[in-house]
Amino acid sequence: MHISGESLMNDGSAIVFYNIFSARFLFELGINGVGEDIGWGKGFAMFFRLAFGAVAIGLAFGIGVVFVLYHLNRSLSGEDNVVQVVLTISAAYLAFFTSEILSGCSGVIAVLTCGVTIKSFGETLINDLKLAVNFWEITEHLLNSLLFALAGVVWGDILSNNRYTDTFESAFEGKDWGYMIVLYLFLMIIRFALIFGFYPVTKRIGIGTNVRESLFSSWAGLRGAVGIALALSINSDVVHLTSSGAVDESTRAKYLDYTEKLFGFVGGIAFLTLVINATLSGPILKRLGLVTPSDTREKIVKNYRDHVVAYTLGQYVRLLSEERFHLLDFSVIKKHVPFLSNITYEQLMNEVHKYKVICCKLFCYNEILCEDLKYLIYI
């Protein structure tokens, strides 16, 4: 939960800063009407406009969705359930379009705020919550798969061949690989410093945290979708803006080299966190004791297993009283039914006598039924 919430905050703030610095970067191209000369004052003003303006827009859309959900309250209507899911899709895209395109704010923060509002006030109004959750999980999986497939192709092309020259050569030089490793290490150090810098605050708010959880949160910061999408975006913008001859070839080559190496670094960092951090996350979780089952959980699991074994054994004895199963070998059953694999002969006999007593009491010691069970005593 901590990592998911922190990821949402990081992604939203990263996009805000991307909008500010990308505008400044594109201004350096010297193309009329492209980018913006942003200083310190203008940068802060732009930050507040992008962030807080987007929050207001997302909040408005979220409240509107909650209002509509309240009136789509026919839980037995399949059509209403589908309309509710379609409503969440429409709200997400309309909030993004209104904020990003029409208002010049952050579309991602608007969508995030809209989603948090719906989650907080409208979740109980959704008739088929499982349908909505499954839809968005499938959508997220498909879009992430598409993004990473596209990013992998572009990243491989950048590393293997600089397509803006006539010669077959890598856009990445030997020193760039060293820079990538250094950048990865610095990012890890910065993440540890930030998480433990705010540790006195995070351990006192919400559900709280502890040192072990903070250590794992520091390690488990995987870089991926948002960084790759933004790096792809700035590289695509530079390719498009410089392809029409608006700048000379030397300027075009220089800025394309910047964006390609930027994307190479971003993709490389994502790859390293996936290979190193993700692979070691399981052992680190166990080492920190964050996945060690509690005594209560172990007791619950043991009680559950005991009940399953008792029920399975009771069903076996009941079936054994039927004539068609008289010659059934218990050793065969133990081999094919895992829950009965450790059952002893004494446990089986206890269950047989228990079943006989229950049957005889239930049918008032009917002699015919008791006669059918006699053979059980001599198993």
Protein backbone atom coordinates (compact mmCIF):
# COMPACT_ATOMS: atom_id res chain seq x y z
CA MET A 1 0.00 0.00 0.00
CA HIS A 2 2.84 2.39 0.86
CA ILE A 3 4.64 1.68 -2.42
CA SER A 4 1.46 2.04 -4.49
CA GLY A 5 0.55 5.36 -2.91
CA GLU A 6 4.09 6.67 -3.24
CA SER A 7 4.13 5.57 -6.88
CA LEU A 8 0.99 7.59 -7.64
CA MET A 9 2.48 10.70 -6.02
CA ASN A 10 5.81 10.25 -7.80
CA ASP A 11 4.19 9.76 -11.20
CA GLY A 12 2.00 12.84 -10.86
CA SER A 13 4.81 15.11 -9.66
CA ALA A 14 7.21 13.73 -12.30
CA ILE A 15 4.82 14.68 -15.09
CA VAL A 16 4.40 18.19 -13.69
CA PHE A 17 8.16 18.74 -13.64
CA TYR A 18 8.43 17.15 -17.08
CA ASN A 19 6.00 19.71 -18.50
CA ILE A 20 8.04 22.56 -17.04
CA PHE A 21 11.50 21.39 -18.08
CA SER A 22 10.45 20.02 -21.46
CA ALA A 23 9.01 23.43 -22.37
CA ARG A 24 12.34 25.01 -21.44
CA PHE A 25 14.28 22.34 -23.36
CA LEU A 26 12.22 22.76 -26.55
CA PHE A 27 12.65 26.54 -26.29
CA GLU A 28 16.39 25.99 -26.65
CA LEU A 29 15.80 24.68 -30.19
CA GLY A 30 15.17 28.24 -31.30
CA ILE A 31 12.00 27.46 -33.28
CA ASN A 32 9.36 30.21 -33.15
CA GLY A 33 6.31 29.23 -31.10
CA VAL A 34 7.97 26.10 -29.68
CA GLY A 35 8.67 25.82 -25.98
CA GLU A 36 8.74 28.60 -23.44
CA ASP A 37 11.45 30.66 -21.76
CA ILE A 38 10.79 29.68 -18.16
CA GLY A 39 12.65 31.29 -15.30
CA TRP A 40 12.41 30.62 -11.58
CA GLY A 41 9.32 32.75 -10.98
CA LYS A 42 7.49 31.51 -14.02
CA GLY A 43 8.48 27.96 -13.19
CA PHE A 44 6.92 28.13 -9.73
CA ALA A 45 3.77 29.74 -11.14
CA MET A 46 3.56 27.02 -13.78
CA PHE A 47 4.03 24.34 -11.13
CA PHE A 48 1.12 25.59 -9.04
CA ARG A 49 -1.09 25.98 -12.12
CA LEU A 50 -0.31 22.49 -13.37
CA ALA A 51 -0.73 20.83 -9.98
CA PHE A 52 -3.53 22.64 -8.19
CA GLY A 53 -5.50 23.44 -11.32
CA ALA A 54 -5.47 19.75 -12.20
CA VAL A 55 -6.60 18.82 -8.69
CA ALA A 56 -9.60 21.17 -8.97
CA ILE A 57 -10.58 19.76 -12.37
CA GLY A 58 -10.18 16.16 -11.21
CA LEU A 59 -12.22 16.86 -8.08
CA ALA A 60 -15.03 18.35 -10.17
CA PHE A 61 -15.16 15.34 -12.47
CA GLY A 62 -14.99 12.95 -9.52
CA ILE A 63 -17.93 14.59 -7.77
CA GLY A 64 -19.89 14.50 -11.03
CA VAL A 65 -19.22 10.77 -11.43
CA VAL A 66 -20.29 10.06 -7.84
CA PHE A 67 -23.54 11.96 -8.47
CA VAL A 68 -24.29 9.89 -11.59
CA LEU A 69 -23.36 6.64 -9.84
CA TYR A 70 -25.84 7.48 -7.10
CA HIS A 71 -28.66 7.53 -9.66
CA LEU A 72 -27.51 4.34 -11.43
CA ASN A 73 -28.57 2.30 -8.41
CA ARG A 74 -30.40 -0.62 -10.04
CA SER A 75 -28.01 -3.30 -8.87
CA LEU A 76 -29.93 -6.08 -10.64
CA SER A 77 -29.76 -4.29 -13.98
CA GLY A 78 -26.92 -5.55 -16.14
CA GLU A 79 -27.19 -2.44 -18.31
CA ASP A 80 -26.64 -0.11 -15.36
CA ASN A 81 -23.55 -2.09 -14.36
CA VAL A 82 -22.06 -1.69 -17.83
CA VAL A 83 -22.98 2.01 -17.92
CA GLN A 84 -21.17 2.54 -14.62
CA VAL A 85 -17.96 1.04 -16.03
CA VAL A 86 -18.30 3.11 -19.21
CA LEU A 87 -18.84 6.17 -17.02
CA THR A 88 -15.48 5.64 -15.29
CA ILE A 89 -13.75 5.35 -18.69
CA SER A 90 -15.42 8.50 -20.00
CA ALA A 91 -14.63 10.43 -16.83
CA ALA A 92 -10.96 9.48 -16.98
CA TYR A 93 -10.48 10.59 -20.58
CA LEU A 94 -12.63 13.72 -20.28
CA ALA A 95 -10.77 14.80 -17.13
CA PHE A 96 -7.45 14.30 -18.92
CA PHE A 97 -8.58 16.17 -22.05
CA THR A 98 -10.08 19.06 -20.10
CA SER A 99 -7.03 19.47 -17.89
CA GLU A 100 -4.22 18.79 -20.36
CA ILE A 101 -5.59 20.25 -23.61
CA LEU A 102 -8.22 22.82 -22.68
CA SER A 103 -6.83 24.19 -19.40
CA GLY A 104 -3.07 23.69 -19.74
CA CYS A 105 -2.86 21.75 -16.47
CA SER A 106 -1.63 18.26 -15.69
CA GLY A 107 -3.96 15.67 -17.18
CA VAL A 108 -2.48 12.83 -15.14
CA ILE A 109 -2.99 14.60 -11.81
CA ALA A 110 -6.57 15.42 -12.85
CA VAL A 111 -7.25 11.74 -13.60
CA LEU A 112 -5.56 10.71 -10.35
CA THR A 113 -7.68 13.14 -8.31
CA CYS A 114 -10.82 12.01 -10.11
CA GLY A 115 -10.01 8.38 -9.33
CA VAL A 116 -9.27 9.05 -5.67
CA THR A 117 -12.56 10.96 -5.32
CA ILE A 118 -14.55 8.12 -6.89
CA LYS A 119 -12.74 5.58 -4.71
CA SER A 120 -13.43 7.56 -1.54
CA PHE A 121 -17.07 8.49 -2.08
CA GLY A 122 -18.43 6.34 -4.90
CA GLU A 123 -17.02 2.84 -4.41
CA THR A 124 -20.05 1.67 -2.44
CA LEU A 125 -22.32 3.01 -5.20
CA ILE A 126 -20.85 0.74 -7.87
CA ASN A 127 -23.24 -2.17 -8.37
CA ASP A 128 -20.73 -4.67 -9.73
CA LEU A 129 -17.38 -3.69 -8.25
CA LYS A 130 -15.71 -6.85 -9.52
CA LEU A 131 -16.67 -5.99 -13.11
CA ALA A 132 -15.18 -2.50 -12.81
CA VAL A 133 -11.97 -3.70 -11.14
CA ASN A 134 -11.45 -6.51 -13.66
CA PHE A 135 -11.99 -4.14 -16.58
CA TRP A 136 -9.41 -1.64 -15.35
CA GLU A 137 -6.91 -4.39 -14.51
CA ILE A 138 -7.19 -5.76 -18.05
CA THR A 139 -6.90 -2.26 -19.51
CA GLU A 140 -3.83 -1.49 -17.40
CA HIS A 141 -2.19 -4.76 -18.39
CA LEU A 142 -2.81 -4.25 -22.12
CA LEU A 143 -1.61 -0.63 -22.14
CA ASN A 144 1.48 -1.42 -20.07
CA SER A 145 2.30 -4.33 -22.38
CA LEU A 146 1.93 -2.09 -25.43
CA LEU A 147 4.04 0.67 -23.88
CA PHE A 148 6.88 -1.64 -22.84
CA ALA A 149 6.85 -3.43 -26.19
CA LEU A 150 7.14 -0.10 -28.03
CA ALA A 151 9.77 1.17 -25.60
CA GLY A 152 11.80 -2.01 -25.96
CA VAL A 153 11.87 -1.67 -29.74
CA VAL A 154 12.92 2.00 -29.60
CA TRP A 155 15.49 1.38 -26.87
CA GLY A 156 17.04 -1.48 -28.79
CA ASP A 157 17.18 0.67 -31.93
CA ILE A 158 18.90 3.50 -30.07
CA LEU A 159 21.49 1.20 -28.52
CA SER A 160 22.23 -0.73 -31.70
CA ASN A 161 22.12 1.91 -34.41
CA ASN A 162 21.98 5.68 -34.69
CA ARG A 163 19.37 6.02 -37.42
CA TYR A 164 20.21 9.68 -38.02
CA THR A 165 23.61 8.91 -39.54
CA ASP A 166 24.58 6.97 -42.63
CA THR A 167 26.85 4.63 -40.69
CA PHE A 168 25.79 1.72 -38.51
CA GLU A 169 26.89 2.76 -35.05
CA SER A 170 25.43 2.77 -31.57
CA ALA A 171 24.08 6.01 -30.15
CA PHE A 172 25.52 4.82 -26.84
CA GLU A 173 29.26 5.06 -26.36
CA GLY A 174 31.30 3.06 -23.86
CA LYS A 175 31.30 5.85 -21.29
CA ASP A 176 27.50 6.09 -21.48
CA TRP A 177 27.19 2.58 -20.06
CA GLY A 178 29.32 3.69 -17.14
CA TYR A 179 27.15 6.78 -16.68
CA MET A 180 24.09 4.53 -16.62
CA ILE A 181 25.49 2.45 -13.76
CA VAL A 182 26.49 5.58 -11.84
CA LEU A 183 23.03 7.07 -12.44
CA TYR A 184 21.40 3.89 -11.17
CA LEU A 185 23.46 4.00 -7.97
CA PHE A 186 22.72 7.70 -7.41
CA LEU A 187 19.00 7.11 -7.89
CA MET A 188 19.08 4.36 -5.29
CA ILE A 189 20.97 6.59 -2.83
CA ILE A 190 18.55 9.47 -3.41
CA ARG A 191 15.56 7.20 -2.88
CA PHE A 192 16.94 5.86 0.40
CA ALA A 193 17.70 9.41 1.54
CA LEU A 194 14.22 10.69 0.70
CA ILE A 195 12.32 7.81 2.31
CA PHE A 196 14.34 7.89 5.52
CA GLY A 197 14.37 11.69 5.49
CA PHE A 198 10.58 11.64 5.72
CA TYR A 199 10.48 8.61 8.00
CA PRO A 200 9.62 10.64 11.15
CA VAL A 201 6.52 11.85 9.31
CA THR A 202 5.45 8.65 7.54
CA LYS A 203 5.61 6.54 10.71
CA ARG A 204 3.08 8.85 12.39
CA ILE A 205 0.51 9.33 9.62
CA GLY A 206 -2.02 6.93 8.13
CA ILE A 207 -1.37 3.29 8.96
CA GLY A 208 2.23 4.17 9.81
CA THR A 209 5.41 2.40 8.84
CA ASN A 210 8.55 0.99 10.42
CA VAL A 211 12.24 0.74 9.59
CA ARG A 212 11.96 -2.62 7.84
CA GLU A 213 9.11 -1.46 5.62
CA SER A 214 11.01 1.73 4.81
CA LEU A 215 14.08 -0.29 3.86
CA PHE A 216 12.04 -2.40 1.47
CA SER A 217 10.23 0.65 0.05
CA SER A 218 13.61 2.21 -0.64
CA TRP A 219 14.79 -0.88 -2.48
CA ALA A 220 11.56 -1.69 -4.32
CA GLY A 221 11.27 1.53 -6.31
CA LEU A 222 11.00 0.11 -9.83
CA ARG A 223 11.24 2.62 -12.66
CA GLY A 224 9.00 1.95 -15.60
CA ALA A 225 5.93 3.11 -17.46
CA VAL A 226 5.79 6.84 -16.71
CA GLY A 227 9.50 7.54 -17.20
CA ILE A 228 9.59 5.55 -20.43
CA ALA A 229 6.45 7.29 -21.74
CA LEU A 230 7.87 10.76 -21.01
CA ALA A 231 11.26 9.94 -22.55
CA LEU A 232 9.49 8.61 -25.65
CA SER A 233 7.39 11.77 -25.77
CA ILE A 234 10.29 14.24 -25.69
CA ASN A 235 12.25 12.22 -28.22
CA SER A 236 9.24 12.10 -30.53
CA ASP A 237 8.69 15.86 -30.15
CA VAL A 238 12.28 16.64 -31.12
CA VAL A 239 12.16 14.27 -34.12
CA HIS A 240 8.93 15.87 -35.34
CA LEU A 241 9.95 19.49 -34.76
CA THR A 242 13.38 19.19 -36.39
CA SER A 243 12.34 17.12 -39.41
CA SER A 244 10.86 20.06 -41.33
CA GLY A 245 14.14 21.94 -41.76
CA ALA A 246 13.33 24.52 -39.08
CA VAL A 247 16.81 24.09 -37.61
CA ASP A 248 20.20 23.36 -39.15
CA GLU A 249 21.58 19.83 -39.25
CA SER A 250 24.15 20.34 -36.49
CA THR A 251 21.49 21.61 -34.06
CA ARG A 252 19.16 18.79 -35.06
CA ALA A 253 21.86 16.16 -34.53
CA LYS A 254 22.83 17.64 -31.16
CA TYR A 255 19.32 17.68 -29.71
CA LEU A 256 18.47 14.28 -31.14
CA ASP A 257 21.59 12.96 -29.45
CA TYR A 258 20.38 14.49 -26.17
CA THR A 259 16.92 12.92 -26.34
CA GLU A 260 18.15 9.56 -27.56
CA LYS A 261 20.69 9.28 -24.78
CA LEU A 262 18.03 10.43 -22.31
CA PHE A 263 15.73 7.67 -23.48
CA GLY A 264 18.62 5.21 -23.38
CA PHE A 265 19.33 6.11 -19.76
CA VAL A 266 15.64 5.90 -18.77
CA GLY A 267 15.20 2.54 -20.47
CA GLY A 268 18.45 1.28 -18.99
CA ILE A 269 17.46 2.30 -15.46
CA ALA A 270 14.08 0.60 -15.92
CA PHE A 271 15.87 -2.53 -17.12
CA LEU A 272 18.32 -2.53 -14.21
CA THR A 273 15.60 -2.07 -11.58
CA LEU A 274 13.61 -4.87 -13.20
CA VAL A 275 16.56 -7.25 -13.30
CA ILE A 276 18.23 -6.34 -9.99
CA ASN A 277 15.64 -4.80 -7.66
CA ALA A 278 12.66 -6.91 -8.69
CA THR A 279 14.64 -10.16 -8.66
CA LEU A 280 16.01 -9.56 -5.16
CA SER A 281 12.76 -8.20 -3.69
CA GLY A 282 11.50 -11.65 -2.66
CA PRO A 283 14.62 -12.67 -0.72
CA ILE A 284 14.83 -9.22 0.88
CA LEU A 285 11.20 -9.44 2.00
CA LYS A 286 11.94 -12.77 3.67
CA ARG A 287 15.19 -11.50 5.17
CA LEU A 288 13.42 -8.50 6.69
CA GLY A 289 10.68 -10.73 8.07
CA LEU A 290 7.89 -8.92 6.24
CA VAL A 291 6.35 -12.12 4.88
CA THR A 292 6.83 -14.29 7.96
CA PRO A 293 3.38 -15.61 8.94
CA SER A 294 2.18 -14.53 12.35
CA ASP A 295 1.22 -16.96 15.11
CA THR A 296 -2.45 -16.09 14.61
CA ARG A 297 -2.26 -16.84 10.90
CA GLU A 298 -0.50 -20.14 11.52
CA LYS A 299 -3.20 -21.15 13.99
CA ILE A 300 -5.93 -20.21 11.52
CA VAL A 301 -4.28 -22.23 8.74
CA LYS A 302 -3.79 -25.22 11.07
CA ASN A 303 -7.41 -25.11 12.25
CA TYR A 304 -8.59 -24.84 8.67
CA ARG A 305 -6.52 -27.86 7.65
CA ASP A 306 -7.76 -29.89 10.63
CA HIS A 307 -11.36 -29.12 9.68
CA VAL A 308 -10.73 -30.07 6.04
CA VAL A 309 -9.09 -33.36 7.08
CA ALA A 310 -11.93 -34.18 9.47
CA TYR A 311 -14.57 -33.38 6.86
CA THR A 312 -12.76 -35.37 4.15
CA LEU A 313 -12.32 -38.36 6.43
CA GLY A 314 -16.00 -38.21 7.43
CA GLN A 315 -17.06 -38.16 3.79
CA TYR A 316 -14.79 -41.12 3.07
CA VAL A 317 -16.34 -43.17 5.87
CA ARG A 318 -19.84 -42.23 4.73
CA LEU A 319 -19.10 -43.38 1.20
CA LEU A 320 -17.48 -46.54 2.52
CA SER A 321 -20.83 -47.55 4.04
CA GLU A 322 -22.25 -47.84 0.54
CA GLU A 323 -22.13 -51.31 -0.92
CA ARG A 324 -20.33 -50.28 -4.11
CA PHE A 325 -17.31 -49.12 -2.04
CA HIS A 326 -17.06 -52.12 0.31
CA LEU A 327 -13.88 -53.45 -1.26
CA LEU A 328 -12.14 -50.08 -1.58
CA ASP A 329 -8.51 -50.08 -0.41
CA PHE A 330 -7.79 -47.19 1.96
CA SER A 331 -4.11 -47.09 0.94
CA VAL A 332 -5.21 -46.16 -2.59
CA ILE A 333 -7.33 -43.31 -1.23
CA LYS A 334 -4.44 -42.01 0.87
CA LYS A 335 -2.23 -41.96 -2.18
CA HIS A 336 -4.61 -39.86 -4.28
CA VAL A 337 -6.17 -37.57 -1.64
CA PRO A 338 -3.47 -35.30 -0.14
CA PHE A 339 -5.48 -34.40 2.97
CA LEU A 340 -5.71 -38.09 3.93
CA SER A 341 -2.07 -38.92 3.29
CA ASN A 342 -1.09 -38.66 6.97
CA ILE A 343 -4.20 -40.30 8.45
CA THR A 344 -3.40 -43.18 10.81
CA TYR A 345 -5.35 -46.39 11.29
CA GLU A 346 -6.49 -45.23 14.74
CA GLN A 347 -7.92 -41.98 13.32
CA LEU A 348 -9.80 -43.94 10.69
CA MET A 349 -11.26 -46.33 13.28
CA ASN A 350 -12.33 -43.42 15.49
CA GLU A 351 -14.18 -41.87 12.58
CA VAL A 352 -15.81 -45.22 11.74
CA HIS A 353 -17.15 -45.66 15.28
CA LYS A 354 -18.24 -42.01 15.40
CA TYR A 355 -20.16 -42.47 12.17
CA LYS A 356 -21.76 -45.67 13.43
CA VAL A 357 -22.96 -43.99 16.64
CA ILE A 358 -24.38 -41.02 14.75
CA CYS A 359 -26.23 -43.24 12.28
CA CYS A 360 -27.62 -45.51 14.93
CA LYS A 361 -28.85 -42.57 17.05
CA LEU A 362 -30.32 -40.82 14.02
CA PHE A 363 -32.35 -43.82 12.95
CA CYS A 364 -33.20 -45.00 16.44
CA TYR A 365 -30.79 -47.91 16.29
CA ASN A 366 -32.42 -49.33 13.23
CA GLU A 367 -31.06 -52.88 13.07
CA ILE A 368 -30.94 -52.95 9.31
CA LEU A 369 -28.75 -49.88 9.04
CA CYS A 370 -26.50 -51.04 11.84
CA GLU A 371 -26.12 -54.39 10.13
CA ASP A 372 -24.88 -52.60 6.99
CA LEU A 373 -22.15 -50.95 9.05
CA LYS A 374 -20.90 -54.05 10.86
CA TYR A 375 -18.18 -54.74 8.36
CA LEU A 376 -16.61 -51.37 9.22
CA ILE A 377 -15.64 -52.63 12.66
CA TYR A 378 -13.46 -55.28 11.09
CA ILE A 379 -11.55 -53.05 8.63
